[in-house]
Amino acid sequence: MTTRANCWEVKQCGRQPGGENVSKLGVCPASVDSSADGLNGGKNAGRICWAIAGTFCGDKKQGTFADKRLSCLSCDFYRQVQFEEDAASFMLLKPGQTYHPTT
């Protein structure tokens, strides 16, 4: 399996371990979530960041997928991953993760 560009590489947020913004903003949970390693061809949750609570997008900490789904589904990086992955193998959520929309 080939590892493709992860969100922190594309978005250049500097929140991956050792990144330039860790001291100010903290480590992004997507960069260290090993339970998602390999999904959509990424390292940890680097190519399924939309499914990870607490990522930092739009200059603010995000909630669950249900909370942030609209902004994530319109994100250029999300669209890039969806385009790069085979439709049959694209993962919207982590295995076992469910979607509960908020009202």
N, C-alpha and C. Protein backbone atom coordinates (compact mmCIF):
# COMPACT_ATOMS: atom_id res chain seq x y z
N MET A 1 0.84 -1.18 0.00
CA MET A 1 0.00 0.00 0.00
C MET A 1 0.89 1.25 0.00
N THR A 2 0.55 2.20 -0.84
CA THR A 2 1.27 3.46 -0.91
C THR A 2 0.63 4.47 0.03
N THR A 3 1.46 5.13 0.83
CA THR A 3 0.94 6.18 1.69
C THR A 3 0.86 7.46 0.89
N ARG A 4 -0.27 8.10 0.95
CA ARG A 4 -0.50 9.35 0.23
C ARG A 4 -0.40 10.51 1.20
N ALA A 5 -0.47 11.73 0.68
CA ALA A 5 -0.34 12.93 1.51
C ALA A 5 -1.43 12.97 2.58
N ASN A 6 -1.01 13.28 3.79
CA ASN A 6 -1.92 13.40 4.93
C ASN A 6 -2.39 14.84 5.09
N CYS A 7 -3.44 15.03 5.87
CA CYS A 7 -4.04 16.36 6.03
C CYS A 7 -3.03 17.40 6.51
N TRP A 8 -2.19 17.04 7.50
CA TRP A 8 -1.24 18.03 8.03
C TRP A 8 -0.18 18.41 7.01
N GLU A 9 0.07 17.52 6.04
CA GLU A 9 1.03 17.85 4.98
C GLU A 9 0.38 18.77 3.95
N VAL A 10 -0.86 18.50 3.60
CA VAL A 10 -1.57 19.30 2.60
C VAL A 10 -1.97 20.66 3.19
N LYS A 11 -2.55 20.65 4.37
CA LYS A 11 -3.03 21.88 5.00
C LYS A 11 -1.92 22.68 5.67
N GLN A 12 -0.78 22.04 5.89
CA GLN A 12 0.39 22.67 6.52
C GLN A 12 0.01 23.38 7.83
N CYS A 13 -0.72 22.66 8.68
CA CYS A 13 -1.18 23.22 9.95
C CYS A 13 -0.10 23.23 11.03
N GLY A 14 0.90 22.35 10.89
CA GLY A 14 1.97 22.29 11.88
C GLY A 14 1.55 21.67 13.20
N ARG A 15 0.47 20.87 13.19
CA ARG A 15 -0.01 20.26 14.43
C ARG A 15 0.32 18.79 14.56
N GLN A 16 1.11 18.24 13.64
CA GLN A 16 1.57 16.86 13.77
C GLN A 16 2.67 16.83 14.84
N PRO A 17 2.94 15.66 15.44
CA PRO A 17 4.00 15.60 16.44
C PRO A 17 5.29 16.23 15.91
N GLY A 18 5.84 17.16 16.68
CA GLY A 18 7.04 17.89 16.28
C GLY A 18 6.77 19.09 15.40
N GLY A 19 5.51 19.32 15.07
CA GLY A 19 5.14 20.44 14.19
C GLY A 19 5.30 21.79 14.85
N GLU A 20 5.43 22.81 14.03
CA GLU A 20 5.71 24.17 14.51
C GLU A 20 4.59 24.81 15.35
N ASN A 21 3.36 24.32 15.25
CA ASN A 21 2.25 24.92 15.99
C ASN A 21 1.79 24.10 17.19
N VAL A 22 2.48 23.02 17.50
CA VAL A 22 2.07 22.14 18.60
C VAL A 22 2.08 22.88 19.94
N SER A 23 3.09 23.69 20.19
CA SER A 23 3.16 24.38 21.48
C SER A 23 2.01 25.37 21.66
N LYS A 24 1.52 25.94 20.57
CA LYS A 24 0.45 26.93 20.64
C LYS A 24 -0.94 26.29 20.56
N LEU A 25 -1.10 25.28 19.68
CA LEU A 25 -2.42 24.71 19.41
C LEU A 25 -2.60 23.27 19.85
N GLY A 26 -1.50 22.59 20.20
CA GLY A 26 -1.56 21.19 20.60
C GLY A 26 -1.43 20.26 19.40
N VAL A 27 -1.22 18.97 19.70
CA VAL A 27 -1.11 17.96 18.66
C VAL A 27 -2.51 17.61 18.16
N CYS A 28 -2.66 17.57 16.87
CA CYS A 28 -3.96 17.23 16.28
C CYS A 28 -4.25 15.75 16.51
N PRO A 29 -5.46 15.43 16.96
CA PRO A 29 -5.81 14.03 17.19
C PRO A 29 -5.72 13.17 15.93
N ALA A 30 -5.92 13.74 14.75
CA ALA A 30 -5.82 12.96 13.51
C ALA A 30 -4.39 12.48 13.28
N SER A 31 -3.43 13.25 13.71
CA SER A 31 -2.03 12.89 13.44
C SER A 31 -1.53 11.77 14.34
N VAL A 32 -2.25 11.45 15.40
CA VAL A 32 -1.79 10.42 16.35
C VAL A 32 -2.78 9.27 16.53
N ASP A 33 -3.91 9.30 15.85
CA ASP A 33 -4.93 8.25 16.00
C ASP A 33 -4.52 7.01 15.22
N SER A 34 -3.79 6.12 15.88
CA SER A 34 -3.27 4.93 15.21
C SER A 34 -4.37 3.92 14.86
N SER A 35 -5.56 4.05 15.44
CA SER A 35 -6.65 3.13 15.10
C SER A 35 -7.14 3.34 13.67
N ALA A 36 -6.76 4.45 13.06
CA ALA A 36 -7.16 4.73 11.68
C ALA A 36 -5.99 4.60 10.71
N ASP A 37 -4.87 4.07 11.19
CA ASP A 37 -3.67 3.96 10.35
C ASP A 37 -3.95 3.16 9.09
N GLY A 38 -3.62 3.72 7.95
CA GLY A 38 -3.80 3.05 6.67
C GLY A 38 -5.12 3.33 5.99
N LEU A 39 -6.10 3.85 6.71
CA LEU A 39 -7.39 4.13 6.08
C LEU A 39 -7.22 5.21 5.02
N ASN A 40 -7.77 4.99 3.87
CA ASN A 40 -7.65 5.87 2.71
C ASN A 40 -6.19 6.12 2.33
N GLY A 41 -5.30 5.20 2.73
CA GLY A 41 -3.90 5.29 2.35
C GLY A 41 -3.08 6.28 3.16
N GLY A 42 -3.55 6.64 4.34
CA GLY A 42 -2.84 7.63 5.14
C GLY A 42 -2.14 7.08 6.37
N LYS A 43 -1.36 7.94 7.01
CA LYS A 43 -0.71 7.61 8.27
C LYS A 43 -1.64 8.04 9.40
N ASN A 44 -1.85 7.14 10.36
CA ASN A 44 -2.81 7.38 11.44
C ASN A 44 -4.12 7.84 10.82
N ALA A 45 -4.71 8.94 11.26
CA ALA A 45 -5.98 9.38 10.68
C ALA A 45 -5.76 10.54 9.70
N GLY A 46 -4.61 10.59 9.09
CA GLY A 46 -4.25 11.68 8.20
C GLY A 46 -5.04 11.79 6.92
N ARG A 47 -5.79 10.74 6.58
CA ARG A 47 -6.63 10.81 5.39
C ARG A 47 -8.07 10.41 5.71
N ILE A 48 -8.42 10.59 6.97
CA ILE A 48 -9.81 10.41 7.41
C ILE A 48 -10.05 11.37 8.58
N CYS A 49 -9.42 12.52 8.52
CA CYS A 49 -9.46 13.51 9.61
C CYS A 49 -10.88 13.99 9.92
N TRP A 50 -11.75 13.99 8.92
CA TRP A 50 -13.14 14.41 9.12
C TRP A 50 -13.87 13.51 10.11
N ALA A 51 -13.43 12.29 10.28
CA ALA A 51 -14.09 11.34 11.19
C ALA A 51 -13.53 11.42 12.61
N ILE A 52 -12.57 12.31 12.84
CA ILE A 52 -11.89 12.41 14.13
C ILE A 52 -12.34 13.67 14.86
N ALA A 53 -12.83 13.49 16.06
CA ALA A 53 -13.26 14.64 16.88
C ALA A 53 -12.05 15.44 17.33
N GLY A 54 -12.22 16.75 17.40
CA GLY A 54 -11.19 17.61 17.96
C GLY A 54 -10.13 18.09 16.99
N THR A 55 -10.32 17.86 15.69
CA THR A 55 -9.37 18.42 14.73
C THR A 55 -9.54 19.94 14.71
N PHE A 56 -8.58 20.63 14.15
CA PHE A 56 -8.57 22.09 14.18
C PHE A 56 -8.65 22.60 12.75
N CYS A 57 -9.81 23.10 12.37
CA CYS A 57 -10.01 23.63 11.03
C CYS A 57 -10.76 24.95 11.12
N GLY A 58 -10.49 25.80 10.16
CA GLY A 58 -11.18 27.10 10.16
C GLY A 58 -10.88 27.91 11.39
N ASP A 59 -9.66 27.80 11.89
CA ASP A 59 -9.19 28.54 13.07
C ASP A 59 -9.93 28.21 14.36
N LYS A 60 -10.57 27.04 14.41
CA LYS A 60 -11.20 26.64 15.67
C LYS A 60 -11.23 25.12 15.79
N LYS A 61 -11.29 24.66 17.02
CA LYS A 61 -11.36 23.23 17.30
C LYS A 61 -12.73 22.73 16.88
N GLN A 62 -12.72 21.61 16.17
CA GLN A 62 -13.95 21.03 15.65
C GLN A 62 -14.46 19.93 16.58
N GLY A 63 -15.72 19.58 16.45
CA GLY A 63 -16.31 18.52 17.25
C GLY A 63 -16.30 17.19 16.52
N THR A 64 -17.36 16.43 16.69
CA THR A 64 -17.49 15.12 16.06
C THR A 64 -17.81 15.28 14.58
N PHE A 65 -17.79 14.17 13.85
CA PHE A 65 -18.16 14.21 12.43
C PHE A 65 -19.56 14.77 12.27
N ALA A 66 -20.48 14.37 13.12
CA ALA A 66 -21.85 14.88 13.03
C ALA A 66 -21.89 16.39 13.18
N ASP A 67 -21.03 16.93 14.04
CA ASP A 67 -20.99 18.38 14.26
C ASP A 67 -20.35 19.13 13.09
N LYS A 68 -19.35 18.54 12.49
CA LYS A 68 -18.57 19.25 11.49
C LYS A 68 -18.77 18.76 10.06
N ARG A 69 -19.72 17.87 9.85
CA ARG A 69 -19.88 17.20 8.55
C ARG A 69 -20.02 18.17 7.38
N LEU A 70 -20.78 19.23 7.52
CA LEU A 70 -20.99 20.14 6.40
C LEU A 70 -19.70 20.83 5.98
N SER A 71 -18.92 21.29 6.95
CA SER A 71 -17.66 21.94 6.59
C SER A 71 -16.67 20.93 6.04
N CYS A 72 -16.63 19.73 6.60
CA CYS A 72 -15.69 18.71 6.13
C CYS A 72 -16.04 18.23 4.73
N LEU A 73 -17.31 18.02 4.46
CA LEU A 73 -17.70 17.51 3.15
C LEU A 73 -17.47 18.52 2.04
N SER A 74 -17.30 19.78 2.38
CA SER A 74 -16.98 20.80 1.38
C SER A 74 -15.49 21.16 1.37
N CYS A 75 -14.70 20.49 2.20
CA CYS A 75 -13.27 20.75 2.31
C CYS A 75 -12.52 20.24 1.08
N ASP A 76 -11.57 21.03 0.59
CA ASP A 76 -10.76 20.63 -0.56
C ASP A 76 -9.98 19.34 -0.28
N PHE A 77 -9.47 19.17 0.93
CA PHE A 77 -8.71 17.97 1.25
C PHE A 77 -9.62 16.73 1.24
N TYR A 78 -10.80 16.83 1.82
CA TYR A 78 -11.76 15.73 1.78
C TYR A 78 -12.03 15.32 0.33
N ARG A 79 -12.28 16.31 -0.51
CA ARG A 79 -12.57 16.04 -1.92
C ARG A 79 -11.36 15.40 -2.62
N GLN A 80 -10.15 15.85 -2.25
CA GLN A 80 -8.93 15.27 -2.83
C GLN A 80 -8.83 13.79 -2.48
N VAL A 81 -9.06 13.45 -1.21
CA VAL A 81 -8.98 12.05 -0.78
C VAL A 81 -10.04 11.22 -1.49
N GLN A 82 -11.24 11.74 -1.54
CA GLN A 82 -12.33 11.02 -2.20
C GLN A 82 -11.99 10.78 -3.68
N PHE A 83 -11.40 11.75 -4.34
CA PHE A 83 -11.01 11.61 -5.74
C PHE A 83 -9.89 10.59 -5.91
N GLU A 84 -8.90 10.62 -5.01
CA GLU A 84 -7.74 9.75 -5.13
C GLU A 84 -8.04 8.29 -4.79
N GLU A 85 -9.03 8.06 -3.96
CA GLU A 85 -9.35 6.69 -3.56
C GLU A 85 -10.38 6.07 -4.49
N ASP A 86 -10.25 4.78 -4.69
CA ASP A 86 -11.22 4.01 -5.44
C ASP A 86 -12.56 4.10 -4.69
N ALA A 87 -13.64 4.27 -5.42
CA ALA A 87 -14.96 4.43 -4.78
C ALA A 87 -15.29 3.28 -3.85
N ALA A 88 -14.86 2.08 -4.18
CA ALA A 88 -15.16 0.91 -3.35
C ALA A 88 -14.34 0.88 -2.07
N SER A 89 -13.19 1.55 -2.06
CA SER A 89 -12.33 1.49 -0.87
C SER A 89 -12.35 2.78 -0.04
N PHE A 90 -12.98 3.84 -0.55
CA PHE A 90 -13.03 5.11 0.20
C PHE A 90 -13.76 4.92 1.52
N MET A 91 -13.15 5.36 2.60
CA MET A 91 -13.74 5.25 3.93
C MET A 91 -14.23 6.62 4.39
N LEU A 92 -15.53 6.74 4.62
CA LEU A 92 -16.10 7.97 5.15
C LEU A 92 -15.90 8.02 6.67
N LEU A 93 -16.06 6.87 7.32
CA LEU A 93 -15.91 6.76 8.77
C LEU A 93 -14.97 5.60 9.10
N LYS A 94 -14.45 5.61 10.31
CA LYS A 94 -13.62 4.50 10.77
C LYS A 94 -14.50 3.26 10.95
N PRO A 95 -13.93 2.05 10.78
CA PRO A 95 -14.73 0.84 11.00
C PRO A 95 -15.36 0.86 12.40
N GLY A 96 -16.64 0.58 12.47
CA GLY A 96 -17.35 0.57 13.74
C GLY A 96 -17.89 1.93 14.15
N GLN A 97 -17.45 2.98 13.49
CA GLN A 97 -17.90 4.32 13.83
C GLN A 97 -19.27 4.55 13.18
N THR A 98 -20.17 5.16 13.89
CA THR A 98 -21.50 5.44 13.34
C THR A 98 -21.72 6.93 13.28
N TYR A 99 -22.64 7.32 12.44
CA TYR A 99 -22.97 8.71 12.24
C TYR A 99 -24.32 9.00 12.89
N HIS A 100 -24.33 9.93 13.81
CA HIS A 100 -25.56 10.36 14.49
C HIS A 100 -25.71 11.85 14.27
N PRO A 101 -26.55 12.23 13.28
CA PRO A 101 -26.68 13.65 12.98
C PRO A 101 -27.28 14.43 14.16
N THR A 102 -26.80 15.65 14.29
CA THR A 102 -27.36 16.53 15.31
C THR A 102 -28.52 17.28 14.70
N THR A 103 -29.40 17.73 15.52
CA THR A 103 -30.56 18.45 14.98
C THR A 103 -30.37 19.93 15.10
